[in-house]
Amino acid sequence: ASTVQLLARTRRADQATGLKDTLEGLQVVGGAIFGGSKRADQKIYGRMIKNAKIESRGNDVSLEVMIPQADIDSLLAGK
């Protein structure tokens, strides 16, 4: 498995909270769109979106996505 981690730092804590809320909204919509697809690659994207961990602490917002090796192999095999 591989993990992708991103960190965003805002000027104020309320901005971090707003960013986290926006990302969580996009996570719900993206997970539904891709997760309901019949295409295998889009189902993988849906799982990745659904399983993403989004947190905020103070001015920081972190996003972490763990991708199983089998999903990486499937995506690379399709290219």
PDB file of N, CA and C in Angstrom:
ATOM      1  N   ALA A   1       0.852  -1.189   0.000  1.00  0.00           N
ATOM      2  CA  ALA A   1       0.000   0.000   0.000  1.00  0.00           C
ATOM      3  C   ALA A   1       0.889   1.241   0.000  1.00  0.00           C
ATOM      4  N   SER A   2       0.357   2.298  -0.526  1.00  0.00           N
ATOM      5  CA  SER A   2       1.031   3.598  -0.517  1.00  0.00           C
ATOM      6  C   SER A   2       0.111   4.617   0.136  1.00  0.00           C
ATOM      7  N   THR A   3       0.717   5.609   0.743  1.00  0.00           N
ATOM      8  CA  THR A   3      -0.053   6.656   1.400  1.00  0.00           C
ATOM      9  C   THR A   3       0.327   8.003   0.806  1.00  0.00           C
ATOM     10  N   VAL A   4      -0.690   8.806   0.521  1.00  0.00           N
ATOM     11  CA  VAL A   4      -0.486  10.171   0.057  1.00  0.00           C
ATOM     12  C   VAL A   4      -0.985  11.084   1.171  1.00  0.00           C
ATOM     13  N   GLN A   5      -0.135  12.019   1.577  1.00  0.00           N
ATOM     14  CA  GLN A   5      -0.505  12.949   2.630  1.00  0.00           C
ATOM     15  C   GLN A   5      -0.306  14.370   2.138  1.00  0.00           C
ATOM     16  N   LEU A   6      -1.306  15.204   2.401  1.00  0.00           N
ATOM     17  CA  LEU A   6      -1.233  16.618   2.043  1.00  0.00           C
ATOM     18  C   LEU A   6      -1.545  17.447   3.279  1.00  0.00           C
ATOM     19  N   LEU A   7      -0.914  18.604   3.398  1.00  0.00           N
ATOM     20  CA  LEU A   7      -1.170  19.507   4.502  1.00  0.00           C
ATOM     21  C   LEU A   7      -1.381  20.903   3.936  1.00  0.00           C
ATOM     22  N   ALA A   8      -2.461  21.533   4.353  1.00  0.00           N
ATOM     23  CA  ALA A   8      -2.728  22.920   3.975  1.00  0.00           C
ATOM     24  C   ALA A   8      -2.735  23.750   5.253  1.00  0.00           C
ATOM     25  N   ARG A   9      -2.071  24.885   5.217  1.00  0.00           N
ATOM     26  CA  ARG A   9      -2.045  25.780   6.377  1.00  0.00           C
ATOM     27  C   ARG A   9      -2.748  27.077   5.982  1.00  0.00           C
ATOM     28  N   THR A  10      -3.742  27.434   6.773  1.00  0.00           N
ATOM     29  CA  THR A  10      -4.503  28.654   6.532  1.00  0.00           C
ATOM     30  C   THR A  10      -4.032  29.753   7.487  1.00  0.00           C
ATOM     31  N   ARG A  11      -4.496  30.957   7.242  1.00  0.00           N
ATOM     32  CA  ARG A  11      -4.102  32.072   8.114  1.00  0.00           C
ATOM     33  C   ARG A  11      -4.825  32.019   9.461  1.00  0.00           C
ATOM     34  N   ARG A  12      -6.087  31.528   9.416  1.00  0.00           N
ATOM     35  CA  ARG A  12      -6.893  31.492  10.645  1.00  0.00           C
ATOM     36  C   ARG A  12      -7.530  30.114  10.809  1.00  0.00           C
ATOM     37  N   ALA A  13      -7.811  29.758  12.048  1.00  0.00           N
ATOM     38  CA  ALA A  13      -8.417  28.460  12.350  1.00  0.00           C
ATOM     39  C   ALA A  13      -9.793  28.305  11.710  1.00  0.00           C
ATOM     40  N   ASP A  14     -10.572  29.396  11.643  1.00  0.00           N
ATOM     41  CA  ASP A  14     -11.904  29.287  11.035  1.00  0.00           C
ATOM     42  C   ASP A  14     -11.802  28.991   9.534  1.00  0.00           C
ATOM     43  N   GLN A  15     -10.739  29.443   8.896  1.00  0.00           N
ATOM     44  CA  GLN A  15     -10.525  29.116   7.487  1.00  0.00           C
ATOM     45  C   GLN A  15     -10.206  27.631   7.332  1.00  0.00           C
ATOM     46  N   ALA A  16      -9.448  27.085   8.261  1.00  0.00           N
ATOM     47  CA  ALA A  16      -9.129  25.655   8.226  1.00  0.00           C
ATOM     48  C   ALA A  16     -10.400  24.835   8.404  1.00  0.00           C
ATOM     49  N   THR A  17     -11.261  25.272   9.307  1.00  0.00           N
ATOM     50  CA  THR A  17     -12.531  24.573   9.518  1.00  0.00           C
ATOM     51  C   THR A  17     -13.381  24.629   8.255  1.00  0.00           C
ATOM     52  N   GLY A  18     -13.433  25.778   7.606  1.00  0.00           N
ATOM     53  CA  GLY A  18     -14.189  25.913   6.362  1.00  0.00           C
ATOM     54  C   GLY A  18     -13.633  25.035   5.256  1.00  0.00           C
ATOM     55  N   LEU A  19     -12.314  24.970   5.146  1.00  0.00           N
ATOM     56  CA  LEU A  19     -11.676  24.127   4.134  1.00  0.00           C
ATOM     57  C   LEU A  19     -11.980  22.658   4.401  1.00  0.00           C
ATOM     58  N   LYS A  20     -11.903  22.253   5.656  1.00  0.00           N
ATOM     59  CA  LYS A  20     -12.211  20.870   6.026  1.00  0.00           C
ATOM     60  C   LYS A  20     -13.653  20.530   5.659  1.00  0.00           C
ATOM     61  N   ASP A  21     -14.577  21.427   5.977  1.00  0.00           N
ATOM     62  CA  ASP A  21     -15.989  21.197   5.649  1.00  0.00           C
ATOM     63  C   ASP A  21     -16.196  21.065   4.140  1.00  0.00           C
ATOM     64  N   THR A  22     -15.517  21.909   3.372  1.00  0.00           N
ATOM     65  CA  THR A  22     -15.614  21.841   1.908  1.00  0.00           C
ATOM     66  C   THR A  22     -15.075  20.518   1.383  1.00  0.00           C
ATOM     67  N   LEU A  23     -13.914  20.106   1.888  1.00  0.00           N
ATOM     68  CA  LEU A  23     -13.327  18.834   1.457  1.00  0.00           C
ATOM     69  C   LEU A  23     -14.226  17.656   1.809  1.00  0.00           C
ATOM     70  N   GLU A  24     -14.843  17.694   2.986  1.00  0.00           N
ATOM     71  CA  GLU A  24     -15.745  16.613   3.377  1.00  0.00           C
ATOM     72  C   GLU A  24     -16.980  16.575   2.472  1.00  0.00           C
ATOM     73  N   GLY A  25     -17.478  17.738   2.063  1.00  0.00           N
ATOM     74  CA  GLY A  25     -18.591  17.785   1.119  1.00  0.00           C
ATOM     75  C   GLY A  25     -18.210  17.203  -0.229  1.00  0.00           C
ATOM     76  N   LEU A  26     -17.030  17.574  -0.708  1.00  0.00           N
ATOM     77  CA  LEU A  26     -16.537  17.022  -1.974  1.00  0.00           C
ATOM     78  C   LEU A  26     -16.305  15.521  -1.862  1.00  0.00           C
ATOM     79  N   GLN A  27     -15.898  15.072  -0.685  1.00  0.00           N
ATOM     80  CA  GLN A  27     -15.673  13.649  -0.461  1.00  0.00           C
ATOM     81  C   GLN A  27     -16.983  12.872  -0.611  1.00  0.00           C
ATOM     82  N   VAL A  28     -18.053  13.392  -0.063  1.00  0.00           N
ATOM     83  CA  VAL A  28     -19.358  12.724  -0.161  1.00  0.00           C
ATOM     84  C   VAL A  28     -19.822  12.678  -1.623  1.00  0.00           C
ATOM     85  N   VAL A  29     -19.754  13.808  -2.301  1.00  0.00           N
ATOM     86  CA  VAL A  29     -20.201  13.881  -3.697  1.00  0.00           C
ATOM     87  C   VAL A  29     -19.314  13.018  -4.595  1.00  0.00           C
ATOM     88  N   GLY A  30     -18.000  13.159  -4.468  1.00  0.00           N
ATOM     89  CA  GLY A  30     -17.073  12.392  -5.299  1.00  0.00           C
ATOM     90  C   GLY A  30     -17.189  10.901  -5.063  1.00  0.00           C
ATOM     91  N   GLY A  31     -17.336  10.509  -3.792  1.00  0.00           N
ATOM     92  CA  GLY A  31     -17.493   9.091  -3.477  1.00  0.00           C
ATOM     93  C   GLY A  31     -18.742   8.504  -4.096  1.00  0.00           C
ATOM     94  N   ALA A  32     -19.819   9.283  -4.082  1.00  0.00           N
ATOM     95  CA  ALA A  32     -21.081   8.819  -4.669  1.00  0.00           C
ATOM     96  C   ALA A  32     -20.981   8.721  -6.189  1.00  0.00           C
ATOM     97  N   ILE A  33     -20.383   9.710  -6.810  1.00  0.00           N
ATOM     98  CA  ILE A  33     -20.272   9.723  -8.276  1.00  0.00           C
ATOM     99  C   ILE A  33     -19.381   8.587  -8.758  1.00  0.00           C
ATOM    100  N   PHE A  34     -18.183   8.499  -8.216  1.00  0.00           N
ATOM    101  CA  PHE A  34     -17.245   7.481  -8.684  1.00  0.00           C
ATOM    102  C   PHE A  34     -17.588   6.093  -8.155  1.00  0.00           C
ATOM    103  N   GLY A  35     -18.067   6.017  -6.917  1.00  0.00           N
ATOM    104  CA  GLY A  35     -18.391   4.724  -6.327  1.00  0.00           C
ATOM    105  C   GLY A  35     -19.535   4.017  -7.021  1.00  0.00           C
ATOM    106  N   GLY A  36     -20.433   4.781  -7.617  1.00  0.00           N
ATOM    107  CA  GLY A  36     -21.574   4.200  -8.316  1.00  0.00           C
ATOM    108  C   GLY A  36     -21.298   3.862  -9.771  1.00  0.00           C
ATOM    109  N   SER A  37     -20.094   4.118 -10.228  1.00  0.00           N
ATOM    110  CA  SER A  37     -19.732   3.859 -11.616  1.00  0.00           C
ATOM    111  C   SER A  37     -19.594   2.365 -11.881  1.00  0.00           C
ATOM    112  N   LYS A  38     -19.768   1.989 -13.128  1.00  0.00           N
ATOM    113  CA  LYS A  38     -19.568   0.596 -13.524  1.00  0.00           C
ATOM    114  C   LYS A  38     -18.127   0.329 -13.936  1.00  0.00           C
ATOM    115  N   ARG A  39     -17.368   1.386 -14.222  1.00  0.00           N
ATOM    116  CA  ARG A  39     -15.973   1.225 -14.634  1.00  0.00           C
ATOM    117  C   ARG A  39     -15.101   0.888 -13.435  1.00  0.00           C
ATOM    118  N   ALA A  40     -14.235  -0.087 -13.596  1.00  0.00           N
ATOM    119  CA  ALA A  40     -13.371  -0.548 -12.504  1.00  0.00           C
ATOM    120  C   ALA A  40     -12.463   0.562 -11.992  1.00  0.00           C
ATOM    121  N   ASP A  41     -11.885   1.364 -12.902  1.00  0.00           N
ATOM    122  CA  ASP A  41     -10.974   2.419 -12.452  1.00  0.00           C
ATOM    123  C   ASP A  41     -11.712   3.472 -11.635  1.00  0.00           C
ATOM    124  N   GLN A  42     -12.930   3.801 -12.044  1.00  0.00           N
ATOM    125  CA  GLN A  42     -13.689   4.803 -11.305  1.00  0.00           C
ATOM    126  C   GLN A  42     -14.148   4.280  -9.944  1.00  0.00           C
ATOM    127  N   LYS A  43     -14.386   2.976  -9.844  1.00  0.00           N
ATOM    128  CA  LYS A  43     -14.710   2.392  -8.538  1.00  0.00           C
ATOM    129  C   LYS A  43     -13.522   2.515  -7.587  1.00  0.00           C
ATOM    130  N   ILE A  44     -12.316   2.348  -8.126  1.00  0.00           N
ATOM    131  CA  ILE A  44     -11.109   2.518  -7.307  1.00  0.00           C
ATOM    132  C   ILE A  44     -11.018   3.958  -6.831  1.00  0.00           C
ATOM    133  N   TYR A  45     -11.236   4.913  -7.733  1.00  0.00           N
ATOM    134  CA  TYR A  45     -11.214   6.322  -7.342  1.00  0.00           C
ATOM    135  C   TYR A  45     -12.256   6.591  -6.262  1.00  0.00           C
ATOM    136  N   GLY A  46     -13.432   5.999  -6.406  1.00  0.00           N
ATOM    137  CA  GLY A  46     -14.489   6.162  -5.413  1.00  0.00           C
ATOM    138  C   GLY A  46     -14.074   5.651  -4.045  1.00  0.00           C
ATOM    139  N   ARG A  47     -13.414   4.501  -4.001  1.00  0.00           N
ATOM    140  CA  ARG A  47     -12.921   3.954  -2.733  1.00  0.00           C
ATOM    141  C   ARG A  47     -11.865   4.864  -2.119  1.00  0.00           C
ATOM    142  N   MET A  48     -10.969   5.373  -2.972  1.00  0.00           N
ATOM    143  CA  MET A  48      -9.918   6.259  -2.471  1.00  0.00           C
ATOM    144  C   MET A  48     -10.530   7.517  -1.855  1.00  0.00           C
ATOM    145  N   ILE A  49     -11.507   8.085  -2.538  1.00  0.00           N
ATOM    146  CA  ILE A  49     -12.166   9.295  -2.037  1.00  0.00           C
ATOM    147  C   ILE A  49     -12.898   8.993  -0.734  1.00  0.00           C
ATOM    148  N   LYS A  50     -13.643   7.900  -0.729  1.00  0.00           N
ATOM    149  CA  LYS A  50     -14.426   7.539   0.449  1.00  0.00           C
ATOM    150  C   LYS A  50     -13.543   7.277   1.665  1.00  0.00           C
ATOM    151  N   ASN A  51     -12.388   6.658   1.465  1.00  0.00           N
ATOM    152  CA  ASN A  51     -11.516   6.288   2.569  1.00  0.00           C
ATOM    153  C   ASN A  51     -10.530   7.374   2.992  1.00  0.00           C
ATOM    154  N   ALA A  52     -10.546   8.514   2.303  1.00  0.00           N
ATOM    155  CA  ALA A  52      -9.644   9.606   2.661  1.00  0.00           C
ATOM    156  C   ALA A  52      -9.957  10.106   4.071  1.00  0.00           C
ATOM    157  N   LYS A  53      -8.909  10.420   4.814  1.00  0.00           N
ATOM    158  CA  LYS A  53      -9.065  10.958   6.165  1.00  0.00           C
ATOM    159  C   LYS A  53      -8.764  12.449   6.111  1.00  0.00           C
ATOM    160  N   ILE A  54      -9.728  13.241   6.566  1.00  0.00           N
ATOM    161  CA  ILE A  54      -9.587  14.693   6.559  1.00  0.00           C
ATOM    162  C   ILE A  54      -9.683  15.179   8.005  1.00  0.00           C
ATOM    163  N   GLU A  55      -8.696  15.944   8.428  1.00  0.00           N
ATOM    164  CA  GLU A  55      -8.676  16.456   9.791  1.00  0.00           C
ATOM    165  C   GLU A  55      -8.243  17.910   9.789  1.00  0.00           C
ATOM    166  N   SER A  56      -8.681  18.639  10.807  1.00  0.00           N
ATOM    167  CA  SER A  56      -8.165  20.000  10.985  1.00  0.00           C
ATOM    168  C   SER A  56      -7.746  20.175  12.434  1.00  0.00           C
ATOM    169  N   ARG A  57      -6.626  20.852  12.590  1.00  0.00           N
ATOM    170  CA  ARG A  57      -6.091  21.194  13.908  1.00  0.00           C
ATOM    171  C   ARG A  57      -5.560  22.619  13.815  1.00  0.00           C
ATOM    172  N   GLY A  58      -6.187  23.496  14.542  1.00  0.00           N
ATOM    173  CA  GLY A  58      -5.760  24.893  14.484  1.00  0.00           C
ATOM    174  C   GLY A  58      -5.884  25.423  13.065  1.00  0.00           C
ATOM    175  N   ASN A  59      -4.783  25.896  12.511  1.00  0.00           N
ATOM    176  CA  ASN A  59      -4.776  26.455  11.150  1.00  0.00           C
ATOM    177  C   ASN A  59      -4.471  25.419  10.084  1.00  0.00           C
ATOM    178  N   ASP A  60      -4.243  24.175  10.480  1.00  0.00           N
ATOM    179  CA  ASP A  60      -3.837  23.133   9.546  1.00  0.00           C
ATOM    180  C   ASP A  60      -4.984  22.196   9.178  1.00  0.00           C
ATOM    181  N   VAL A  61      -5.020  21.827   7.911  1.00  0.00           N
ATOM    182  CA  VAL A  61      -5.952  20.809   7.421  1.00  0.00           C
ATOM    183  C   VAL A  61      -5.106  19.731   6.758  1.00  0.00           C
ATOM    184  N   SER A  62      -5.321  18.482   7.172  1.00  0.00           N
ATOM    185  CA  SER A  62      -4.558  17.392   6.575  1.00  0.00           C
ATOM    186  C   SER A  62      -5.500  16.446   5.841  1.00  0.00           C
ATOM    187  N   LEU A  63      -4.975  15.876   4.779  1.00  0.00           N
ATOM    188  CA  LEU A  63      -5.694  14.908   3.959  1.00  0.00           C
ATOM    189  C   LEU A  63      -4.768  13.722   3.765  1.00  0.00           C
ATOM    190  N   GLU A  64      -5.265  12.541   4.100  1.00  0.00           N
ATOM    191  CA  GLU A  64      -4.452  11.334   3.966  1.00  0.00           C
ATOM    192  C   GLU A  64      -5.260  10.280   3.213  1.00  0.00           C
ATOM    193  N   VAL A  65      -4.642   9.707   2.193  1.00  0.00           N
ATOM    194  CA  VAL A  65      -5.282   8.659   1.398  1.00  0.00           C
ATOM    195  C   VAL A  65      -4.341   7.469   1.351  1.00  0.00           C
ATOM    196  N   MET A  66      -4.820   6.316   1.803  1.00  0.00           N
ATOM    197  CA  MET A  66      -4.042   5.086   1.720  1.00  0.00           C
ATOM    198  C   MET A  66      -4.579   4.282   0.543  1.00  0.00           C
ATOM    199  N   ILE A  67      -3.680   3.888  -0.351  1.00  0.00           N
ATOM    200  CA  ILE A  67      -4.065   3.187  -1.576  1.00  0.00           C
ATOM    201  C   ILE A  67      -3.478   1.783  -1.543  1.00  0.00           C
ATOM    202  N   PRO A  68      -4.344   0.763  -1.495  1.00  0.00           N
ATOM    203  CA  PRO A  68      -3.833  -0.613  -1.502  1.00  0.00           C
ATOM    204  C   PRO A  68      -3.050  -0.908  -2.785  1.00  0.00           C
ATOM    205  N   GLN A  69      -2.041  -1.752  -2.665  1.00  0.00           N
ATOM    206  CA  GLN A  69      -1.197  -2.092  -3.806  1.00  0.00           C
ATOM    207  C   GLN A  69      -2.013  -2.668  -4.952  1.00  0.00           C
ATOM    208  N   ALA A  70      -3.035  -3.468  -4.643  1.00  0.00           N
ATOM    209  CA  ALA A  70      -3.868  -4.065  -5.687  1.00  0.00           C
ATOM    210  C   ALA A  70      -4.547  -2.989  -6.527  1.00  0.00           C
ATOM    211  N   ASP A  71      -4.984  -1.894  -5.880  1.00  0.00           N
ATOM    212  CA  ASP A  71      -5.610  -0.795  -6.627  1.00  0.00           C
ATOM    213  C   ASP A  71      -4.584  -0.077  -7.499  1.00  0.00           C
ATOM    214  N   ILE A  72      -3.382   0.125  -6.976  1.00  0.00           N
ATOM    215  CA  ILE A  72      -2.316   0.756  -7.766  1.00  0.00           C
ATOM    216  C   ILE A  72      -2.010  -0.107  -8.991  1.00  0.00           C
ATOM    217  N   ASP A  73      -1.880  -1.409  -8.770  1.00  0.00           N
ATOM    218  CA  ASP A  73      -1.601  -2.328  -9.886  1.00  0.00           C
ATOM    219  C   ASP A  73      -2.706  -2.278 -10.934  1.00  0.00           C
ATOM    220  N   SER A  74      -3.955  -2.245 -10.496  1.00  0.00           N
ATOM    221  CA  SER A  74      -5.082  -2.205 -11.442  1.00  0.00           C
ATOM    222  C   SER A  74      -5.073  -0.918 -12.255  1.00  0.00           C
ATOM    223  N   LEU A  75      -4.803   0.199 -11.602  1.00  0.00           N
ATOM    224  CA  LEU A  75      -4.768   1.472 -12.321  1.00  0.00           C
ATOM    225  C   LEU A  75      -3.619   1.519 -13.322  1.00  0.00           C
ATOM    226  N   LEU A  76      -2.465   1.005 -12.928  1.00  0.00           N
ATOM    227  CA  LEU A  76      -1.310   1.008 -13.834  1.00  0.00           C
ATOM    228  C   LEU A  76      -1.489   0.026 -14.986  1.00  0.00           C
ATOM    229  N   ALA A  77      -2.181  -1.069 -14.758  1.00  0.00           N
ATOM    230  CA  ALA A  77      -2.407  -2.053 -15.812  1.00  0.00           C
ATOM    231  C   ALA A  77      -3.315  -1.491 -16.909  1.00  0.00           C
ATOM    232  N   GLY A  78      -4.178  -0.558 -16.541  1.00  0.00           N
ATOM    233  CA  GLY A  78      -5.095   0.032 -17.516  1.00  0.00           C
ATOM    234  C   GLY A  78      -4.463   1.124 -18.360  1.00  0.00           C
ATOM    235  N   LYS A  79      -3.222   1.490 -18.073  1.00  0.00           N
ATOM    236  CA  LYS A  79      -2.574   2.589 -18.809  1.00  0.00           C
ATOM    237  C   LYS A  79      -1.724   2.081 -19.940  1.00  0.00           C
TER     238      LYS A  79
END
